[in-house]
Amino acid sequence: MTRSHRNEDRGGEHRWTFNGVEYPTRKLMCEARRAEYVRLLDEEGMNFTQAAHAVGVSKRTGKAWRNGRTRATGRNECMCSIGS
């Protein structure tokens, strides 16, 4: 299973990490997470639940990603957990 988290140990600078790669913003990390979700569905043949679990998002978020929708409330659709 992949992990993501926010690192704050660089002089107050925030860095987001997913699959061992650091991203300067949460948005970029979430884009990478979404791309990995799609790759798992297409190339690895995982089902929706397995792919969502593998990248650390809910089935609901995976469904929104598959349908190209964002949340109606304006929330960040990645719903990345901080410090997991």
N, C-alpha and C. Protein backbone atom coordinates (compact mmCIF):
# COMPACT_ATOMS: atom_id res chain seq x y z
N MET A 1 0.85 -1.17 0.00
CA MET A 1 0.00 0.00 0.00
C MET A 1 0.89 1.24 0.00
N THR A 2 0.45 2.26 -0.68
CA THR A 2 1.22 3.49 -0.76
C THR A 2 0.90 4.39 0.42
N ARG A 3 1.82 5.27 0.72
CA ARG A 3 1.61 6.19 1.84
C ARG A 3 1.81 7.60 1.35
N SER A 4 1.11 8.50 1.96
CA SER A 4 1.31 9.91 1.68
C SER A 4 1.27 10.66 3.00
N HIS A 5 2.02 11.73 3.05
CA HIS A 5 2.01 12.55 4.26
C HIS A 5 2.67 13.88 3.98
N ARG A 6 2.55 14.76 4.94
CA ARG A 6 3.15 16.08 4.83
C ARG A 6 4.37 16.13 5.74
N ASN A 7 5.48 16.58 5.18
CA ASN A 7 6.70 16.75 5.95
C ASN A 7 6.84 18.22 6.32
N GLU A 8 7.14 18.49 7.58
CA GLU A 8 7.30 19.87 8.03
C GLU A 8 8.66 20.11 8.66
N ASP A 9 9.59 19.21 8.45
CA ASP A 9 10.86 19.30 9.14
C ASP A 9 11.94 20.04 8.34
N ARG A 10 11.57 20.81 7.39
CA ARG A 10 12.54 21.52 6.56
C ARG A 10 12.44 23.03 6.78
N GLY A 11 12.69 23.44 7.99
CA GLY A 11 12.65 24.86 8.29
C GLY A 11 11.28 25.48 8.11
N GLY A 12 10.23 24.74 8.42
CA GLY A 12 8.87 25.25 8.30
C GLY A 12 8.30 25.11 6.90
N GLU A 13 9.11 24.64 5.96
CA GLU A 13 8.64 24.46 4.60
C GLU A 13 7.83 23.18 4.51
N HIS A 14 6.69 23.25 3.85
CA HIS A 14 5.82 22.08 3.73
C HIS A 14 6.11 21.34 2.44
N ARG A 15 6.28 20.05 2.56
CA ARG A 15 6.47 19.17 1.40
C ARG A 15 5.51 18.00 1.54
N TRP A 16 4.89 17.61 0.47
CA TRP A 16 3.95 16.50 0.46
C TRP A 16 4.61 15.31 -0.21
N THR A 17 4.44 14.12 0.36
CA THR A 17 5.08 12.92 -0.13
C THR A 17 4.04 11.86 -0.48
N PHE A 18 4.23 11.24 -1.63
CA PHE A 18 3.39 10.12 -2.07
C PHE A 18 4.29 9.14 -2.80
N ASN A 19 4.27 7.88 -2.41
CA ASN A 19 5.10 6.84 -3.02
C ASN A 19 6.58 7.19 -3.00
N GLY A 20 7.02 7.86 -1.96
CA GLY A 20 8.43 8.18 -1.82
C GLY A 20 8.89 9.39 -2.62
N VAL A 21 7.98 10.07 -3.30
CA VAL A 21 8.30 11.25 -4.09
C VAL A 21 7.75 12.47 -3.38
N GLU A 22 8.57 13.51 -3.24
CA GLU A 22 8.12 14.74 -2.59
C GLU A 22 7.55 15.71 -3.61
N TYR A 23 6.44 16.34 -3.24
CA TYR A 23 5.79 17.34 -4.08
C TYR A 23 5.72 18.65 -3.31
N PRO A 24 5.92 19.79 -3.98
CA PRO A 24 5.92 21.07 -3.27
C PRO A 24 4.53 21.50 -2.80
N THR A 25 3.48 20.97 -3.44
CA THR A 25 2.11 21.35 -3.05
C THR A 25 1.24 20.11 -2.92
N ARG A 26 0.21 20.25 -2.15
CA ARG A 26 -0.75 19.16 -1.97
C ARG A 26 -1.44 18.84 -3.30
N LYS A 27 -1.73 19.88 -4.07
CA LYS A 27 -2.41 19.70 -5.35
C LYS A 27 -1.60 18.78 -6.28
N LEU A 28 -0.30 19.00 -6.36
CA LEU A 28 0.55 18.17 -7.21
C LEU A 28 0.59 16.73 -6.71
N MET A 29 0.63 16.56 -5.39
CA MET A 29 0.63 15.22 -4.83
C MET A 29 -0.69 14.51 -5.17
N CYS A 30 -1.78 15.21 -5.06
CA CYS A 30 -3.09 14.61 -5.35
C CYS A 30 -3.22 14.25 -6.83
N GLU A 31 -2.63 15.08 -7.71
CA GLU A 31 -2.65 14.75 -9.13
C GLU A 31 -1.87 13.47 -9.40
N ALA A 32 -0.74 13.30 -8.72
CA ALA A 32 0.05 12.08 -8.86
C ALA A 32 -0.72 10.88 -8.33
N ARG A 33 -1.41 11.08 -7.24
CA ARG A 33 -2.22 10.00 -6.63
C ARG A 33 -3.34 9.58 -7.58
N ARG A 34 -3.98 10.57 -8.20
CA ARG A 34 -5.06 10.26 -9.14
C ARG A 34 -4.51 9.52 -10.36
N ALA A 35 -3.35 9.95 -10.86
CA ALA A 35 -2.74 9.28 -12.02
C ALA A 35 -2.40 7.82 -11.68
N GLU A 36 -1.91 7.59 -10.46
CA GLU A 36 -1.60 6.22 -10.04
C GLU A 36 -2.87 5.39 -9.93
N TYR A 37 -3.95 5.98 -9.46
CA TYR A 37 -5.24 5.30 -9.37
C TYR A 37 -5.69 4.83 -10.75
N VAL A 38 -5.61 5.72 -11.73
CA VAL A 38 -6.01 5.38 -13.10
C VAL A 38 -5.09 4.31 -13.67
N ARG A 39 -3.80 4.41 -13.41
CA ARG A 39 -2.85 3.41 -13.90
C ARG A 39 -3.17 2.03 -13.33
N LEU A 40 -3.48 1.98 -12.05
CA LEU A 40 -3.80 0.70 -11.42
C LEU A 40 -5.05 0.07 -12.04
N LEU A 41 -6.02 0.91 -12.38
CA LEU A 41 -7.23 0.39 -13.02
C LEU A 41 -6.92 -0.13 -14.42
N ASP A 42 -6.16 0.66 -15.20
CA ASP A 42 -5.91 0.32 -16.60
C ASP A 42 -4.86 -0.77 -16.78
N GLU A 43 -3.71 -0.62 -16.12
CA GLU A 43 -2.58 -1.51 -16.37
C GLU A 43 -2.52 -2.72 -15.45
N GLU A 44 -2.92 -2.55 -14.21
CA GLU A 44 -2.82 -3.63 -13.24
C GLU A 44 -4.11 -4.45 -13.14
N GLY A 45 -5.18 -3.94 -13.71
CA GLY A 45 -6.43 -4.67 -13.70
C GLY A 45 -7.12 -4.73 -12.35
N MET A 46 -6.80 -3.79 -11.47
CA MET A 46 -7.46 -3.76 -10.16
C MET A 46 -8.89 -3.28 -10.31
N ASN A 47 -9.74 -3.70 -9.37
CA ASN A 47 -11.09 -3.15 -9.36
C ASN A 47 -11.07 -1.79 -8.65
N PHE A 48 -12.18 -1.09 -8.68
CA PHE A 48 -12.25 0.27 -8.15
C PHE A 48 -11.86 0.34 -6.67
N THR A 49 -12.35 -0.61 -5.91
CA THR A 49 -12.08 -0.61 -4.47
C THR A 49 -10.61 -0.88 -4.19
N GLN A 50 -10.03 -1.83 -4.88
CA GLN A 50 -8.62 -2.16 -4.69
C GLN A 50 -7.72 -0.98 -5.05
N ALA A 51 -8.00 -0.34 -6.17
CA ALA A 51 -7.18 0.80 -6.62
C ALA A 51 -7.30 1.96 -5.64
N ALA A 52 -8.50 2.24 -5.16
CA ALA A 52 -8.70 3.33 -4.20
C ALA A 52 -7.92 3.03 -2.92
N HIS A 53 -8.01 1.82 -2.44
CA HIS A 53 -7.30 1.43 -1.22
C HIS A 53 -5.78 1.53 -1.42
N ALA A 54 -5.31 1.13 -2.59
CA ALA A 54 -3.88 1.14 -2.88
C ALA A 54 -3.28 2.54 -2.86
N VAL A 55 -4.05 3.54 -3.29
CA VAL A 55 -3.52 4.91 -3.29
C VAL A 55 -3.96 5.70 -2.06
N GLY A 56 -4.77 5.09 -1.21
CA GLY A 56 -5.14 5.73 0.05
C GLY A 56 -6.28 6.72 -0.02
N VAL A 57 -7.24 6.47 -0.91
CA VAL A 57 -8.42 7.33 -0.96
C VAL A 57 -9.67 6.48 -0.77
N SER A 58 -10.78 7.13 -0.54
CA SER A 58 -12.04 6.41 -0.35
C SER A 58 -12.61 5.96 -1.70
N LYS A 59 -13.52 5.00 -1.65
CA LYS A 59 -14.20 4.56 -2.87
C LYS A 59 -14.98 5.72 -3.48
N ARG A 60 -15.51 6.58 -2.64
CA ARG A 60 -16.27 7.73 -3.12
C ARG A 60 -15.38 8.68 -3.93
N THR A 61 -14.17 8.92 -3.43
CA THR A 61 -13.24 9.78 -4.16
C THR A 61 -12.87 9.13 -5.48
N GLY A 62 -12.63 7.83 -5.47
CA GLY A 62 -12.33 7.12 -6.71
C GLY A 62 -13.45 7.25 -7.72
N LYS A 63 -14.67 7.17 -7.25
CA LYS A 63 -15.82 7.32 -8.15
C LYS A 63 -15.86 8.71 -8.75
N ALA A 64 -15.60 9.73 -7.94
CA ALA A 64 -15.58 11.10 -8.45
C ALA A 64 -14.48 11.25 -9.50
N TRP A 65 -13.31 10.66 -9.24
CA TRP A 65 -12.21 10.72 -10.20
C TRP A 65 -12.59 10.04 -11.51
N ARG A 66 -13.20 8.86 -11.44
CA ARG A 66 -13.58 8.13 -12.65
C ARG A 66 -14.58 8.91 -13.48
N ASN A 67 -15.47 9.61 -12.82
CA ASN A 67 -16.52 10.34 -13.52
C ASN A 67 -16.12 11.77 -13.86
N GLY A 68 -14.88 12.15 -13.52
CA GLY A 68 -14.38 13.47 -13.88
C GLY A 68 -15.06 14.60 -13.14
N ARG A 69 -15.59 14.30 -11.97
CA ARG A 69 -16.30 15.32 -11.20
C ARG A 69 -15.45 15.81 -10.04
N THR A 70 -15.79 16.99 -9.60
CA THR A 70 -15.23 17.51 -8.36
C THR A 70 -16.37 17.57 -7.36
N ARG A 71 -16.04 17.79 -6.14
CA ARG A 71 -17.05 17.85 -5.10
C ARG A 71 -17.89 19.12 -5.25
N ALA A 72 -19.19 18.97 -5.08
CA ALA A 72 -20.11 20.10 -5.21
C ALA A 72 -19.85 21.16 -4.15
N THR A 73 -19.28 20.75 -3.01
CA THR A 73 -19.05 21.69 -1.93
C THR A 73 -17.77 22.50 -2.13
N GLY A 74 -17.01 22.14 -3.17
CA GLY A 74 -15.77 22.85 -3.42
C GLY A 74 -14.58 22.28 -2.66
N ARG A 75 -14.80 21.18 -1.95
CA ARG A 75 -13.70 20.55 -1.22
C ARG A 75 -12.68 20.01 -2.20
N ASN A 76 -11.45 19.88 -1.72
CA ASN A 76 -10.41 19.22 -2.51
C ASN A 76 -10.82 17.77 -2.66
N GLU A 77 -11.01 17.30 -3.89
CA GLU A 77 -11.52 15.95 -4.08
C GLU A 77 -10.54 14.87 -3.71
N CYS A 78 -9.28 15.19 -3.52
CA CYS A 78 -8.29 14.18 -3.17
C CYS A 78 -8.56 13.64 -1.76
N MET A 79 -8.99 14.50 -0.86
CA MET A 79 -9.25 14.13 0.52
C MET A 79 -8.06 13.41 1.13
N CYS A 80 -6.87 13.85 0.79
CA CYS A 80 -5.65 13.24 1.30
C CYS A 80 -5.61 13.37 2.82
N SER A 81 -5.25 12.31 3.48
CA SER A 81 -5.16 12.37 4.93
C SER A 81 -3.81 12.91 5.33
N ILE A 82 -3.82 13.80 6.28
CA ILE A 82 -2.59 14.43 6.75
C ILE A 82 -1.96 13.55 7.83
N GLY A 83 -0.69 13.24 7.61
CA GLY A 83 0.05 12.50 8.62
C GLY A 83 -0.28 11.03 8.73
N SER A 84 -0.81 10.44 7.67
CA SER A 84 -1.15 9.01 7.75
C SER A 84 0.04 8.15 7.52
